[in-house]
């Protein structure tokens, strides 16, 4: 008997501000830039990539590329996406 599986898509479960905040907080806590970019990409897909790209002043294809798992986006791009998503980056001691 064959087991059929499908890829897990985090964007399907990011349905509220609290869930999004917890998800991005956990991703940033990892300290891996690729995980951070991927998490922002998942949130952008949950919110609508075209809408997020427009709000960030970026092209949709460029945003997909910047937030893919193996990308190395510039910090300025990350800040634009965070702002477009309605999030705020904070630092705590």
N, C-alpha and C. Protein backbone atom coordinates (compact mmCIF):
# COMPACT_ATOMS: atom_id res chain seq x y z
N UNK A 1 0.84 -1.17 0.00
CA UNK A 1 0.00 0.00 0.00
C UNK A 1 0.89 1.24 0.00
N UNK A 2 0.58 2.19 -0.83
CA UNK A 2 1.36 3.42 -0.97
C UNK A 2 0.74 4.54 -0.14
N UNK A 3 1.61 5.24 0.56
CA UNK A 3 1.16 6.39 1.33
C UNK A 3 1.30 7.65 0.46
N UNK A 4 0.23 8.39 0.35
CA UNK A 4 0.24 9.62 -0.44
C UNK A 4 0.38 10.79 0.51
N UNK A 5 1.33 11.65 0.23
CA UNK A 5 1.53 12.84 1.05
C UNK A 5 1.50 14.09 0.18
N UNK A 6 1.27 15.21 0.80
CA UNK A 6 1.33 16.49 0.11
C UNK A 6 2.24 17.42 0.90
N UNK A 7 2.78 18.40 0.22
CA UNK A 7 3.66 19.36 0.88
C UNK A 7 2.86 20.20 1.87
N UNK A 8 3.46 20.48 3.01
CA UNK A 8 2.82 21.32 4.01
C UNK A 8 3.04 22.77 3.62
N UNK A 9 2.00 23.56 3.60
CA UNK A 9 2.08 24.95 3.20
C UNK A 9 1.69 25.83 4.38
N UNK A 10 2.70 26.45 4.98
CA UNK A 10 2.46 27.29 6.17
C UNK A 10 1.49 28.42 5.89
N UNK A 11 1.47 28.93 4.66
CA UNK A 11 0.61 30.08 4.35
C UNK A 11 -0.87 29.78 4.56
N UNK A 12 -1.25 28.50 4.52
CA UNK A 12 -2.65 28.14 4.73
C UNK A 12 -3.10 28.29 6.18
N UNK A 13 -2.14 28.41 7.09
CA UNK A 13 -2.46 28.46 8.51
C UNK A 13 -2.20 29.83 9.14
N UNK A 14 -1.74 30.77 8.35
CA UNK A 14 -1.43 32.11 8.87
C UNK A 14 -2.65 32.99 8.67
N UNK A 15 -3.65 32.77 9.50
CA UNK A 15 -4.95 33.40 9.29
C UNK A 15 -5.28 34.54 10.24
N UNK A 16 -4.35 34.95 11.05
CA UNK A 16 -4.64 36.06 11.95
C UNK A 16 -3.36 36.73 12.40
N UNK A 17 -3.48 37.96 12.90
CA UNK A 17 -2.29 38.71 13.31
C UNK A 17 -1.47 38.03 14.41
N UNK A 18 -2.14 37.37 15.34
CA UNK A 18 -1.40 36.71 16.42
C UNK A 18 -0.60 35.52 15.88
N UNK A 19 -1.21 34.76 14.97
CA UNK A 19 -0.53 33.61 14.38
C UNK A 19 0.66 34.08 13.54
N UNK A 20 0.47 35.14 12.79
CA UNK A 20 1.54 35.68 11.95
C UNK A 20 2.69 36.18 12.82
N UNK A 21 2.36 36.90 13.88
CA UNK A 21 3.40 37.44 14.77
C UNK A 21 4.19 36.31 15.42
N UNK A 22 3.52 35.27 15.88
CA UNK A 22 4.20 34.14 16.50
C UNK A 22 5.08 33.42 15.49
N UNK A 23 4.60 33.27 14.27
CA UNK A 23 5.35 32.59 13.21
C UNK A 23 6.62 33.35 12.85
N UNK A 24 6.49 34.64 12.63
CA UNK A 24 7.67 35.42 12.25
C UNK A 24 8.64 35.54 13.42
N UNK A 25 8.13 35.62 14.63
CA UNK A 25 8.99 35.68 15.81
C UNK A 25 9.82 34.39 15.93
N UNK A 26 9.18 33.25 15.73
CA UNK A 26 9.89 31.97 15.79
C UNK A 26 10.94 31.86 14.68
N UNK A 27 10.59 32.34 13.49
CA UNK A 27 11.54 32.29 12.37
C UNK A 27 12.75 33.17 12.65
N UNK A 28 12.52 34.37 13.16
CA UNK A 28 13.62 35.29 13.44
C UNK A 28 14.47 34.77 14.60
N UNK A 29 13.85 34.05 15.53
CA UNK A 29 14.58 33.49 16.66
C UNK A 29 15.60 32.44 16.20
N UNK A 30 15.32 31.78 15.09
CA UNK A 30 16.25 30.79 14.54
C UNK A 30 17.58 31.43 14.17
N UNK A 31 17.55 32.69 13.74
CA UNK A 31 18.77 33.38 13.39
C UNK A 31 19.31 33.05 12.01
N UNK A 32 18.57 32.31 11.22
CA UNK A 32 19.00 31.91 9.88
C UNK A 32 18.30 32.81 8.86
N UNK A 33 19.06 33.62 8.10
CA UNK A 33 18.44 34.52 7.13
C UNK A 33 17.52 33.81 6.12
N UNK A 34 17.86 32.59 5.73
CA UNK A 34 17.02 31.86 4.78
C UNK A 34 15.67 31.51 5.40
N UNK A 35 15.67 31.14 6.67
CA UNK A 35 14.42 30.83 7.37
C UNK A 35 13.58 32.09 7.52
N UNK A 36 14.23 33.21 7.82
CA UNK A 36 13.51 34.49 7.95
C UNK A 36 12.87 34.88 6.63
N UNK A 37 13.62 34.81 5.55
CA UNK A 37 13.09 35.18 4.23
C UNK A 37 11.94 34.26 3.83
N UNK A 38 12.11 32.96 4.08
CA UNK A 38 11.07 32.00 3.75
C UNK A 38 9.79 32.27 4.55
N UNK A 39 9.94 32.60 5.83
CA UNK A 39 8.77 32.90 6.67
C UNK A 39 8.04 34.13 6.15
N UNK A 40 8.79 35.17 5.80
CA UNK A 40 8.14 36.37 5.24
C UNK A 40 7.46 36.04 3.92
N UNK A 41 8.06 35.14 3.13
CA UNK A 41 7.44 34.71 1.88
C UNK A 41 6.13 33.98 2.13
N UNK A 42 6.10 33.12 3.14
CA UNK A 42 4.86 32.41 3.49
C UNK A 42 3.78 33.38 3.94
N UNK A 43 4.16 34.37 4.72
CA UNK A 43 3.19 35.36 5.17
C UNK A 43 2.68 36.17 3.99
N UNK A 44 3.59 36.55 3.09
CA UNK A 44 3.19 37.32 1.90
C UNK A 44 2.23 36.50 1.03
N UNK A 45 2.48 35.20 0.89
CA UNK A 45 1.55 34.36 0.12
C UNK A 45 0.20 34.27 0.81
N UNK A 46 0.20 34.22 2.12
CA UNK A 46 -1.07 34.16 2.87
C UNK A 46 -1.86 35.46 2.68
N UNK A 47 -1.18 36.57 2.59
CA UNK A 47 -1.82 37.88 2.45
C UNK A 47 -2.12 38.24 1.00
N UNK A 48 -1.49 37.54 0.07
CA UNK A 48 -1.64 37.85 -1.35
C UNK A 48 -0.36 38.49 -1.87
N UNK A 49 0.43 37.73 -2.58
CA UNK A 49 1.75 38.19 -3.02
C UNK A 49 1.67 39.47 -3.85
N UNK A 50 0.69 39.58 -4.73
CA UNK A 50 0.56 40.79 -5.56
C UNK A 50 0.30 42.02 -4.71
N UNK A 51 -0.57 41.89 -3.72
CA UNK A 51 -0.90 43.02 -2.84
C UNK A 51 0.31 43.44 -2.02
N UNK A 52 1.04 42.46 -1.49
CA UNK A 52 2.22 42.76 -0.68
C UNK A 52 3.30 43.40 -1.55
N UNK A 53 3.49 42.87 -2.75
CA UNK A 53 4.49 43.43 -3.66
C UNK A 53 4.17 44.89 -3.99
N UNK A 54 2.92 45.18 -4.26
CA UNK A 54 2.52 46.56 -4.57
C UNK A 54 2.75 47.46 -3.37
N UNK A 55 2.37 47.01 -2.18
CA UNK A 55 2.55 47.81 -0.98
C UNK A 55 4.03 48.05 -0.65
N UNK A 56 4.88 47.09 -1.03
CA UNK A 56 6.31 47.21 -0.77
C UNK A 56 7.04 47.97 -1.88
N UNK A 57 6.34 48.24 -2.97
CA UNK A 57 6.97 48.92 -4.10
C UNK A 57 7.89 48.01 -4.89
N UNK A 58 7.56 46.73 -4.92
CA UNK A 58 8.37 45.74 -5.62
C UNK A 58 7.52 45.01 -6.65
N UNK A 59 8.15 44.42 -7.64
CA UNK A 59 7.43 43.58 -8.58
C UNK A 59 7.12 42.24 -7.95
N UNK A 60 6.03 41.63 -8.37
CA UNK A 60 5.61 40.35 -7.79
C UNK A 60 6.68 39.27 -7.99
N UNK A 61 7.22 39.17 -9.20
CA UNK A 61 8.25 38.16 -9.48
C UNK A 61 9.50 38.42 -8.64
N UNK A 62 9.85 39.68 -8.49
CA UNK A 62 11.01 40.06 -7.69
C UNK A 62 10.79 39.68 -6.22
N UNK A 63 9.58 39.87 -5.74
CA UNK A 63 9.27 39.52 -4.36
C UNK A 63 9.35 38.01 -4.14
N UNK A 64 8.78 37.24 -5.08
CA UNK A 64 8.89 35.79 -4.99
C UNK A 64 10.35 35.36 -4.91
N UNK A 65 11.17 35.93 -5.78
CA UNK A 65 12.59 35.57 -5.81
C UNK A 65 13.29 35.98 -4.52
N UNK A 66 13.00 37.18 -4.04
CA UNK A 66 13.65 37.69 -2.82
C UNK A 66 13.30 36.88 -1.59
N UNK A 67 12.10 36.32 -1.56
CA UNK A 67 11.64 35.62 -0.36
C UNK A 67 11.63 34.10 -0.50
N UNK A 68 12.34 33.60 -1.50
CA UNK A 68 12.44 32.15 -1.63
C UNK A 68 13.39 31.61 -0.56
N UNK A 69 13.32 30.33 -0.35
CA UNK A 69 14.07 29.71 0.75
C UNK A 69 15.59 29.88 0.63
N UNK A 70 16.11 29.91 -0.57
CA UNK A 70 17.56 29.98 -0.76
C UNK A 70 18.04 31.34 -1.24
N UNK A 71 17.27 32.37 -0.96
CA UNK A 71 17.65 33.71 -1.41
C UNK A 71 18.47 34.43 -0.35
N UNK A 72 19.03 35.52 -0.75
CA UNK A 72 19.77 36.39 0.16
C UNK A 72 19.33 37.83 -0.10
N UNK A 73 18.10 38.17 0.34
CA UNK A 73 17.59 39.51 0.04
C UNK A 73 18.34 40.58 0.83
N UNK A 74 18.34 41.77 0.26
CA UNK A 74 18.94 42.90 0.97
C UNK A 74 18.07 43.25 2.17
N UNK A 75 18.71 43.83 3.18
CA UNK A 75 17.98 44.21 4.39
C UNK A 75 16.89 45.23 4.07
N UNK A 76 17.17 46.11 3.12
CA UNK A 76 16.17 47.11 2.71
C UNK A 76 14.91 46.43 2.18
N UNK A 77 15.08 45.34 1.45
CA UNK A 77 13.93 44.59 0.92
C UNK A 77 13.14 43.97 2.06
N UNK A 78 13.84 43.39 3.02
CA UNK A 78 13.18 42.79 4.18
C UNK A 78 12.37 43.85 4.93
N UNK A 79 12.95 45.02 5.13
CA UNK A 79 12.23 46.10 5.82
C UNK A 79 10.99 46.54 5.06
N UNK A 80 11.09 46.63 3.73
CA UNK A 80 9.93 47.01 2.91
C UNK A 80 8.82 45.98 3.05
N UNK A 81 9.19 44.71 3.04
CA UNK A 81 8.19 43.64 3.14
C UNK A 81 7.56 43.64 4.53
N UNK A 82 8.37 43.79 5.55
CA UNK A 82 7.83 43.84 6.92
C UNK A 82 6.81 44.97 7.05
N UNK A 83 7.14 46.13 6.53
CA UNK A 83 6.22 47.27 6.59
C UNK A 83 4.96 47.00 5.76
N UNK A 84 5.13 46.43 4.56
CA UNK A 84 3.99 46.14 3.70
C UNK A 84 3.05 45.12 4.33
N UNK A 85 3.59 44.23 5.15
CA UNK A 85 2.77 43.23 5.83
C UNK A 85 2.08 43.78 7.07
N UNK A 86 2.39 45.03 7.42
CA UNK A 86 1.80 45.63 8.60
C UNK A 86 2.48 45.17 9.88
N UNK A 87 3.71 44.69 9.75
CA UNK A 87 4.47 44.23 10.92
C UNK A 87 5.47 45.31 11.32
N UNK A 88 6.04 45.18 12.49
CA UNK A 88 7.04 46.10 12.97
C UNK A 88 8.20 45.30 13.54
N UNK A 89 9.40 45.65 13.14
CA UNK A 89 10.59 44.97 13.63
C UNK A 89 11.03 45.66 14.92
N UNK A 90 11.20 44.88 15.99
CA UNK A 90 11.65 45.43 17.26
C UNK A 90 12.83 44.63 17.77
N UNK A 91 13.58 45.23 18.66
CA UNK A 91 14.73 44.57 19.28
C UNK A 91 14.52 44.61 20.78
N UNK A 92 14.80 43.49 21.41
CA UNK A 92 14.63 43.42 22.86
C UNK A 92 15.92 42.87 23.48
N UNK A 93 16.27 43.41 24.63
CA UNK A 93 17.45 42.93 25.36
C UNK A 93 17.04 41.77 26.24
